[in-house]
Amino acid sequence: MIKTEVFATKLPVNLKKTLDKVCKQLGLRKNFVIETALREKLEDLLDQHDLQEAISESTGFHDWQSIKKDLKV
């Protein structure tokens, strides 16, 4: 069994109402929807961070602004 911990946060009223409505309409548990969304968002953020880090460390990368500047004669 996975250990769990209480996590409380405040949400905008309209977001909470939408979450309630969607969960009721689709027969989903709010915890499942929130946990899934949070896991996906964290993965996206880490992927974005890794990409930015790889770009900045790449020796062959030149930002678009410097390339455009060099192309102008």
Protein backbone atom coordinates (compact mmCIF):
# COMPACT_ATOMS: atom_id res chain seq x y z
CA MET A 1 0.00 0.00 0.00
CA ILE A 2 1.26 3.45 -0.90
CA LYS A 3 1.60 5.89 1.96
CA THR A 4 -0.49 9.01 1.56
CA GLU A 5 -0.40 12.44 3.14
CA VAL A 6 -3.02 15.16 3.34
CA PHE A 7 -2.45 18.04 0.93
CA ALA A 8 -4.73 21.04 1.18
CA THR A 9 -4.85 24.03 -1.11
CA LYS A 10 -7.17 26.81 -2.09
CA LEU A 11 -8.64 26.85 -5.58
CA PRO A 12 -10.58 29.50 -7.47
CA VAL A 13 -14.31 28.91 -6.99
CA ASN A 14 -14.98 28.36 -10.70
CA LEU A 15 -12.20 25.75 -10.97
CA LYS A 16 -13.55 23.84 -7.96
CA LYS A 17 -17.08 23.91 -9.40
CA THR A 18 -15.79 22.63 -12.75
CA LEU A 19 -13.83 19.86 -11.03
CA ASP A 20 -16.92 18.83 -9.06
CA LYS A 21 -19.11 18.87 -12.17
CA VAL A 22 -16.67 16.89 -14.34
CA CYS A 23 -16.02 14.29 -11.64
CA LYS A 24 -19.74 13.80 -11.05
CA GLN A 25 -20.52 13.66 -14.78
CA LEU A 26 -17.77 11.15 -15.54
CA GLY A 27 -17.97 9.20 -12.29
CA LEU A 28 -14.40 10.01 -11.29
CA ARG A 29 -12.89 10.57 -7.88
CA LYS A 30 -11.48 14.05 -7.29
CA ASN A 31 -8.32 12.64 -5.71
CA PHE A 32 -7.63 10.57 -8.82
CA VAL A 33 -8.13 13.54 -11.17
CA ILE A 34 -5.99 15.89 -9.08
CA GLU A 35 -3.20 13.35 -8.54
CA THR A 36 -3.08 12.46 -12.24
CA ALA A 37 -3.06 16.11 -13.32
CA LEU A 38 -0.35 16.99 -10.80
CA ARG A 39 1.86 14.08 -11.85
CA GLU A 40 1.53 15.06 -15.53
CA LYS A 41 2.24 18.73 -14.82
CA LEU A 42 5.32 17.92 -12.74
CA GLU A 43 6.61 15.65 -15.50
CA ASP A 44 6.06 18.43 -18.08
CA LEU A 45 7.88 20.96 -15.89
CA LEU A 46 10.85 18.63 -15.40
CA ASP A 47 10.99 17.85 -19.12
CA GLN A 48 10.95 21.56 -19.92
CA HIS A 49 13.72 22.20 -17.37
CA ASP A 50 15.83 19.37 -18.78
CA LEU A 51 15.36 20.69 -22.31
CA GLN A 52 16.36 24.22 -21.32
CA GLU A 53 19.40 22.87 -19.50
CA ALA A 54 20.42 20.75 -22.50
CA ILE A 55 20.03 23.72 -24.84
CA SER A 56 22.12 26.00 -22.64
CA GLU A 57 24.85 23.38 -22.29
CA SER A 58 24.92 22.53 -25.99
CA THR A 59 28.00 23.87 -27.74
CA GLY A 60 26.25 24.07 -31.11
CA PHE A 61 23.28 26.13 -29.96
CA HIS A 62 22.92 29.77 -30.96
CA ASP A 63 19.88 31.77 -29.94
CA TRP A 64 17.61 32.91 -32.77
CA GLN A 65 18.18 36.63 -32.12
CA SER A 66 21.94 36.35 -32.66
CA ILE A 67 21.43 34.31 -35.84
CA LYS A 68 18.98 36.89 -37.22
CA LYS A 69 21.39 39.68 -36.38
CA ASP A 70 24.24 37.90 -38.22
CA LEU A 71 22.06 37.35 -41.31
CA LYS A 72 21.31 41.06 -41.76
CA VAL A 73 23.76 42.71 -44.14
